[in-house]
């Protein structure tokens, strides 16, 4: 799962989806291995958007950054407004794997109740 800090793009007047879809620096391997979903966050790691990545392409004009074709991820709408367990660092483009991904998935409310239903 990928996560991006959309704070600067939002200040420029873009929507959350436009901000999340813009060019982000990830390697091709990272996009191939972890590019199913993308979470948009702002200050303090608060989630403001959750998207399924429908497609991606390298933007050669921007030094190999990736542009994403996104659709709202209904599956993760529960995360909106919640603080994400982001890996440490200042990079605006992050990867949620291992412990951080597990912590995020375990925070889903229906998991807490053990029902597995909406």
N, C-alpha and C. Protein backbone atom coordinates (compact mmCIF):
# COMPACT_ATOMS: atom_id res chain seq x y z
N UNK A 1 0.85 -1.17 0.00
CA UNK A 1 0.00 0.00 0.00
C UNK A 1 0.89 1.23 0.00
N UNK A 2 0.53 2.20 -0.83
CA UNK A 2 1.29 3.44 -0.93
C UNK A 2 0.56 4.53 -0.16
N UNK A 3 1.30 5.51 0.32
CA UNK A 3 0.72 6.66 1.01
C UNK A 3 1.47 7.91 0.57
N UNK A 4 0.72 8.99 0.36
CA UNK A 4 1.33 10.24 -0.10
C UNK A 4 0.80 11.43 0.68
N UNK A 5 1.69 12.37 0.93
CA UNK A 5 1.35 13.60 1.65
C UNK A 5 0.84 14.63 0.64
N UNK A 6 -0.46 14.90 0.67
CA UNK A 6 -1.08 15.78 -0.32
C UNK A 6 -1.22 17.23 0.16
N UNK A 7 -0.68 17.54 1.29
CA UNK A 7 -0.83 18.87 1.90
C UNK A 7 -0.50 20.01 0.93
N UNK A 8 0.66 19.96 0.27
CA UNK A 8 1.07 21.05 -0.63
C UNK A 8 0.13 21.18 -1.82
N UNK A 9 -0.27 20.06 -2.40
CA UNK A 9 -1.16 20.11 -3.55
C UNK A 9 -2.53 20.65 -3.17
N UNK A 10 -3.00 20.34 -1.98
CA UNK A 10 -4.29 20.87 -1.53
C UNK A 10 -4.22 22.38 -1.38
N UNK A 11 -3.09 22.86 -0.90
CA UNK A 11 -2.92 24.31 -0.76
C UNK A 11 -2.99 25.00 -2.12
N UNK A 12 -2.65 24.29 -3.18
CA UNK A 12 -2.70 24.84 -4.54
C UNK A 12 -4.11 24.77 -5.12
N UNK A 13 -5.07 24.31 -4.34
CA UNK A 13 -6.46 24.28 -4.78
C UNK A 13 -6.91 23.00 -5.45
N UNK A 14 -6.09 21.98 -5.46
CA UNK A 14 -6.48 20.70 -6.05
C UNK A 14 -7.37 19.92 -5.09
N UNK A 15 -8.17 18.99 -5.64
CA UNK A 15 -8.95 18.09 -4.80
C UNK A 15 -8.02 17.02 -4.24
N UNK A 16 -8.50 16.26 -3.28
CA UNK A 16 -7.69 15.18 -2.71
C UNK A 16 -7.34 14.17 -3.79
N UNK A 17 -8.30 13.79 -4.62
CA UNK A 17 -8.02 12.80 -5.66
C UNK A 17 -7.02 13.34 -6.68
N UNK A 18 -7.17 14.59 -7.11
CA UNK A 18 -6.20 15.20 -8.04
C UNK A 18 -4.81 15.24 -7.41
N UNK A 19 -4.76 15.58 -6.15
CA UNK A 19 -3.49 15.68 -5.44
C UNK A 19 -2.81 14.33 -5.32
N UNK A 20 -3.59 13.30 -5.04
CA UNK A 20 -3.03 11.96 -4.88
C UNK A 20 -2.60 11.35 -6.20
N UNK A 21 -3.25 11.72 -7.30
CA UNK A 21 -2.96 11.14 -8.61
C UNK A 21 -1.73 11.76 -9.27
N UNK A 22 -1.31 12.94 -8.80
CA UNK A 22 -0.20 13.64 -9.47
C UNK A 22 1.10 12.87 -9.35
N UNK A 23 2.14 13.37 -9.94
CA UNK A 23 3.42 12.66 -10.03
C UNK A 23 4.08 12.48 -8.66
N UNK A 24 4.38 11.22 -8.32
CA UNK A 24 5.04 10.86 -7.07
C UNK A 24 6.24 9.99 -7.39
N UNK A 25 7.31 10.18 -6.65
CA UNK A 25 8.54 9.42 -6.89
C UNK A 25 8.49 8.08 -6.16
N UNK A 26 8.24 7.04 -6.95
CA UNK A 26 8.32 5.65 -6.49
C UNK A 26 9.10 4.90 -7.56
N UNK A 27 9.75 3.83 -7.18
CA UNK A 27 10.42 3.00 -8.19
C UNK A 27 9.38 2.12 -8.88
N UNK A 28 9.72 1.65 -10.06
CA UNK A 28 8.82 0.75 -10.79
C UNK A 28 8.55 -0.50 -9.97
N UNK A 29 9.55 -0.99 -9.29
CA UNK A 29 9.40 -2.19 -8.45
C UNK A 29 8.41 -1.95 -7.31
N UNK A 30 8.52 -0.78 -6.68
CA UNK A 30 7.60 -0.43 -5.59
C UNK A 30 6.17 -0.37 -6.09
N UNK A 31 5.95 0.29 -7.22
CA UNK A 31 4.60 0.39 -7.78
C UNK A 31 4.08 -1.00 -8.13
N UNK A 32 4.92 -1.86 -8.72
CA UNK A 32 4.50 -3.22 -9.08
C UNK A 32 4.14 -4.04 -7.84
N UNK A 33 4.94 -3.92 -6.78
CA UNK A 33 4.73 -4.76 -5.60
C UNK A 33 3.69 -4.21 -4.62
N UNK A 34 3.56 -2.89 -4.54
CA UNK A 34 2.72 -2.30 -3.50
C UNK A 34 1.64 -1.36 -4.03
N UNK A 35 1.50 -1.29 -5.35
CA UNK A 35 0.62 -0.31 -5.96
C UNK A 35 -0.81 -0.74 -6.18
N UNK A 36 -1.45 -1.35 -5.20
CA UNK A 36 -2.87 -1.70 -5.31
C UNK A 36 -3.75 -0.58 -4.77
N UNK A 37 -3.33 0.01 -3.66
CA UNK A 37 -4.09 1.07 -3.02
C UNK A 37 -3.17 2.24 -2.66
N UNK A 38 -3.77 3.42 -2.58
CA UNK A 38 -3.03 4.62 -2.23
C UNK A 38 -3.83 5.41 -1.20
N UNK A 39 -3.18 5.76 -0.11
CA UNK A 39 -3.80 6.58 0.93
C UNK A 39 -3.21 7.98 0.85
N UNK A 40 -4.06 8.99 0.92
CA UNK A 40 -3.62 10.38 0.93
C UNK A 40 -3.68 10.87 2.37
N UNK A 41 -2.61 11.58 2.80
CA UNK A 41 -2.60 12.08 4.17
C UNK A 41 -2.13 13.52 4.20
N UNK A 42 -2.41 14.17 5.32
CA UNK A 42 -1.97 15.55 5.56
C UNK A 42 -1.24 15.58 6.90
N UNK A 43 -0.99 16.78 7.40
CA UNK A 43 -0.25 16.99 8.66
C UNK A 43 -0.59 15.95 9.72
N UNK A 44 0.45 15.42 10.32
CA UNK A 44 0.27 14.46 11.39
C UNK A 44 -0.14 13.09 10.91
N UNK A 45 -0.16 12.87 9.60
CA UNK A 45 -0.50 11.56 9.07
C UNK A 45 -1.99 11.25 9.06
N UNK A 46 -2.83 12.27 9.07
CA UNK A 46 -4.28 12.07 9.06
C UNK A 46 -4.73 11.72 7.64
N UNK A 47 -5.46 10.64 7.50
CA UNK A 47 -5.93 10.17 6.20
C UNK A 47 -7.07 11.06 5.70
N UNK A 48 -6.91 11.57 4.48
CA UNK A 48 -7.95 12.40 3.86
C UNK A 48 -8.46 11.79 2.56
N UNK A 49 -7.91 10.65 2.16
CA UNK A 49 -8.36 9.99 0.95
C UNK A 49 -7.84 8.56 0.88
N UNK A 50 -8.69 7.67 0.39
CA UNK A 50 -8.32 6.27 0.22
C UNK A 50 -8.75 5.85 -1.19
N UNK A 51 -7.80 5.35 -1.97
CA UNK A 51 -8.06 5.08 -3.37
C UNK A 51 -7.53 3.73 -3.80
N UNK A 52 -8.23 3.13 -4.76
CA UNK A 52 -7.73 1.96 -5.47
C UNK A 52 -6.93 2.49 -6.66
N UNK A 53 -5.77 1.93 -6.89
CA UNK A 53 -4.97 2.33 -8.04
C UNK A 53 -5.42 1.47 -9.22
N UNK A 54 -6.07 2.10 -10.18
CA UNK A 54 -6.57 1.39 -11.37
C UNK A 54 -5.50 1.29 -12.45
N UNK A 55 -4.55 2.20 -12.41
CA UNK A 55 -3.48 2.19 -13.39
C UNK A 55 -2.42 3.19 -12.98
N UNK A 56 -1.24 3.05 -13.56
CA UNK A 56 -0.16 3.99 -13.28
C UNK A 56 0.74 4.07 -14.49
N UNK A 57 1.43 5.19 -14.60
CA UNK A 57 2.39 5.34 -15.68
C UNK A 57 3.52 6.26 -15.21
N UNK A 58 4.69 5.98 -15.70
CA UNK A 58 5.84 6.80 -15.38
C UNK A 58 5.75 8.09 -16.18
N UNK A 59 5.96 9.21 -15.51
CA UNK A 59 5.95 10.52 -16.16
C UNK A 59 7.39 10.90 -16.43
N UNK A 60 7.87 10.54 -17.61
CA UNK A 60 9.28 10.76 -17.96
C UNK A 60 9.68 12.23 -17.88
N UNK A 61 8.75 13.13 -18.11
CA UNK A 61 9.04 14.56 -18.05
C UNK A 61 9.31 15.07 -16.65
N UNK A 62 8.99 14.27 -15.64
CA UNK A 62 9.20 14.72 -14.26
C UNK A 62 10.24 13.86 -13.55
N UNK A 63 11.15 13.29 -14.30
CA UNK A 63 12.22 12.52 -13.67
C UNK A 63 11.80 11.14 -13.23
N UNK A 64 10.84 10.54 -13.89
CA UNK A 64 10.44 9.17 -13.57
C UNK A 64 9.42 9.04 -12.47
N UNK A 65 8.77 10.12 -12.11
CA UNK A 65 7.71 10.03 -11.11
C UNK A 65 6.51 9.32 -11.72
N UNK A 66 5.65 8.78 -10.86
CA UNK A 66 4.47 8.05 -11.33
C UNK A 66 3.20 8.87 -11.18
N UNK A 67 2.35 8.75 -12.20
CA UNK A 67 1.01 9.33 -12.18
C UNK A 67 0.05 8.16 -12.00
N UNK A 68 -1.02 8.37 -11.24
CA UNK A 68 -1.93 7.28 -10.93
C UNK A 68 -3.34 7.57 -11.42
N UNK A 69 -3.99 6.52 -11.90
CA UNK A 69 -5.41 6.56 -12.23
C UNK A 69 -6.11 5.96 -11.01
N UNK A 70 -6.88 6.79 -10.31
CA UNK A 70 -7.44 6.39 -9.02
C UNK A 70 -8.96 6.31 -9.04
N UNK A 71 -9.48 5.49 -8.15
CA UNK A 71 -10.92 5.41 -7.89
C UNK A 71 -11.07 5.31 -6.37
N UNK A 72 -12.11 5.91 -5.80
CA UNK A 72 -12.30 5.81 -4.35
C UNK A 72 -12.32 4.34 -3.91
N UNK A 73 -11.64 4.06 -2.81
CA UNK A 73 -11.58 2.70 -2.27
C UNK A 73 -12.58 2.59 -1.13
N UNK A 74 -13.75 2.15 -1.45
CA UNK A 74 -14.81 2.00 -0.45
C UNK A 74 -14.34 1.15 0.74
N UNK A 75 -13.53 0.18 0.44
CA UNK A 75 -13.01 -0.74 1.46
C UNK A 75 -12.31 -0.01 2.60
N UNK A 76 -11.66 1.13 2.29
CA UNK A 76 -10.87 1.83 3.30
C UNK A 76 -11.47 3.17 3.71
N UNK A 77 -12.74 3.41 3.42
CA UNK A 77 -13.33 4.69 3.80
C UNK A 77 -13.37 4.87 5.32
N UNK A 78 -13.32 3.78 6.06
CA UNK A 78 -13.28 3.86 7.52
C UNK A 78 -12.05 4.61 8.02
N UNK A 79 -10.99 4.66 7.21
CA UNK A 79 -9.73 5.28 7.62
C UNK A 79 -9.76 6.80 7.52
N UNK A 80 -10.72 7.36 6.80
CA UNK A 80 -10.77 8.81 6.63
C UNK A 80 -10.87 9.51 7.98
N UNK A 81 -10.02 10.49 8.17
CA UNK A 81 -9.99 11.24 9.42
C UNK A 81 -9.17 10.60 10.53
N UNK A 82 -8.66 9.41 10.29
CA UNK A 82 -7.84 8.72 11.29
C UNK A 82 -6.36 8.92 11.00
N UNK A 83 -5.58 8.82 12.03
CA UNK A 83 -4.12 8.91 11.90
C UNK A 83 -3.60 7.58 11.36
N UNK A 84 -2.74 7.67 10.33
CA UNK A 84 -2.17 6.49 9.71
C UNK A 84 -0.88 6.07 10.42
N UNK A 85 -0.62 4.78 10.51
CA UNK A 85 0.64 4.30 11.09
C UNK A 85 1.75 4.35 10.04
N UNK A 86 2.20 5.54 9.73
CA UNK A 86 3.19 5.73 8.68
C UNK A 86 4.60 5.36 9.13
N UNK A 87 5.39 4.82 8.22
CA UNK A 87 6.79 4.59 8.56
C UNK A 87 7.48 5.93 8.80
N UNK A 88 8.49 5.96 9.63
CA UNK A 88 9.15 7.22 9.93
C UNK A 88 9.83 7.81 8.69
N UNK A 89 9.99 9.12 8.72
CA UNK A 89 10.67 9.80 7.63
C UNK A 89 9.93 11.04 7.20
N UNK A 90 10.57 11.83 6.37
CA UNK A 90 9.98 13.08 5.90
C UNK A 90 9.57 13.01 4.44
N UNK A 91 9.85 11.90 3.80
CA UNK A 91 9.50 11.73 2.40
C UNK A 91 7.98 11.83 2.24
N UNK A 92 7.48 12.63 1.28
CA UNK A 92 6.04 12.74 1.10
C UNK A 92 5.42 11.49 0.48
N UNK A 93 6.22 10.62 -0.11
CA UNK A 93 5.73 9.37 -0.69
C UNK A 93 6.25 8.22 0.15
N UNK A 94 5.34 7.44 0.71
CA UNK A 94 5.72 6.36 1.63
C UNK A 94 5.13 5.03 1.18
N UNK A 95 5.63 3.96 1.76
CA UNK A 95 5.14 2.62 1.49
C UNK A 95 4.72 2.02 2.83
N UNK A 96 3.48 1.54 2.91
CA UNK A 96 3.04 0.84 4.11
C UNK A 96 3.25 -0.65 3.87
N UNK A 97 4.19 -1.22 4.60
CA UNK A 97 4.47 -2.65 4.51
C UNK A 97 4.67 -3.18 5.93
N UNK A 98 4.78 -4.46 6.04
CA UNK A 98 5.12 -5.09 7.31
C UNK A 98 4.27 -4.62 8.46
N UNK A 99 4.93 -4.21 9.54
CA UNK A 99 4.26 -3.80 10.78
C UNK A 99 3.30 -2.63 10.55
N UNK A 100 3.70 -1.67 9.73
CA UNK A 100 2.85 -0.50 9.49
C UNK A 100 1.57 -0.88 8.76
N UNK A 101 1.67 -1.76 7.77
CA UNK A 101 0.49 -2.22 7.04
C UNK A 101 -0.41 -3.05 7.95
N UNK A 102 0.19 -3.92 8.73
CA UNK A 102 -0.60 -4.76 9.65
C UNK A 102 -1.35 -3.89 10.65
N UNK A 103 -0.68 -2.88 11.20
CA UNK A 103 -1.32 -1.98 12.16
C UNK A 103 -2.49 -1.24 11.50
N UNK A 104 -2.31 -0.80 10.26
CA UNK A 104 -3.39 -0.13 9.54
C UNK A 104 -4.57 -1.07 9.33
N UNK A 105 -4.32 -2.27 8.81
CA UNK A 105 -5.40 -3.22 8.54
C UNK A 105 -6.11 -3.66 9.82
N UNK A 106 -5.36 -3.82 10.90
CA UNK A 106 -5.96 -4.23 12.17
C UNK A 106 -6.82 -3.15 12.80
N UNK A 107 -6.66 -1.90 12.37
CA UNK A 107 -7.44 -0.79 12.94
C UNK A 107 -8.84 -0.71 12.35
N UNK A 108 -9.13 -1.50 11.32
CA UNK A 108 -10.45 -1.46 10.71
C UNK A 108 -11.50 -1.83 11.76
N UNK A 109 -12.52 -0.98 11.94
CA UNK A 109 -13.52 -1.22 12.99
C UNK A 109 -14.17 -2.59 12.94
N UNK A 110 -14.53 -3.09 11.78
CA UNK A 110 -15.20 -4.40 11.74
C UNK A 110 -14.28 -5.51 12.20
N UNK A 111 -12.96 -5.34 12.04
CA UNK A 111 -12.01 -6.32 12.56
C UNK A 111 -12.03 -6.32 14.08
N UNK A 112 -12.20 -5.15 14.66
CA UNK A 112 -12.22 -5.03 16.12
C UNK A 112 -13.41 -5.81 16.70
N UNK A 113 -14.50 -5.87 15.94
CA UNK A 113 -15.68 -6.58 16.41
C UNK A 113 -15.71 -8.03 15.93
N UNK A 114 -14.80 -8.36 15.00
CA UNK A 114 -14.69 -9.73 14.53
C UNK A 114 -15.85 -10.19 13.67
N UNK A 115 -16.59 -9.24 13.04
CA UNK A 115 -17.75 -9.65 12.26
C UNK A 115 -17.42 -9.91 10.80
N UNK A 116 -16.49 -9.13 10.23
CA UNK A 116 -16.16 -9.32 8.83
C UNK A 116 -17.23 -8.82 7.89
N UNK A 117 -18.22 -8.06 8.40
CA UNK A 117 -19.29 -7.53 7.56
C UNK A 117 -19.38 -6.04 7.72
N UNK A 118 -19.92 -5.37 6.67
CA UNK A 118 -20.09 -3.90 6.73
C UNK A 118 -21.18 -3.52 7.69
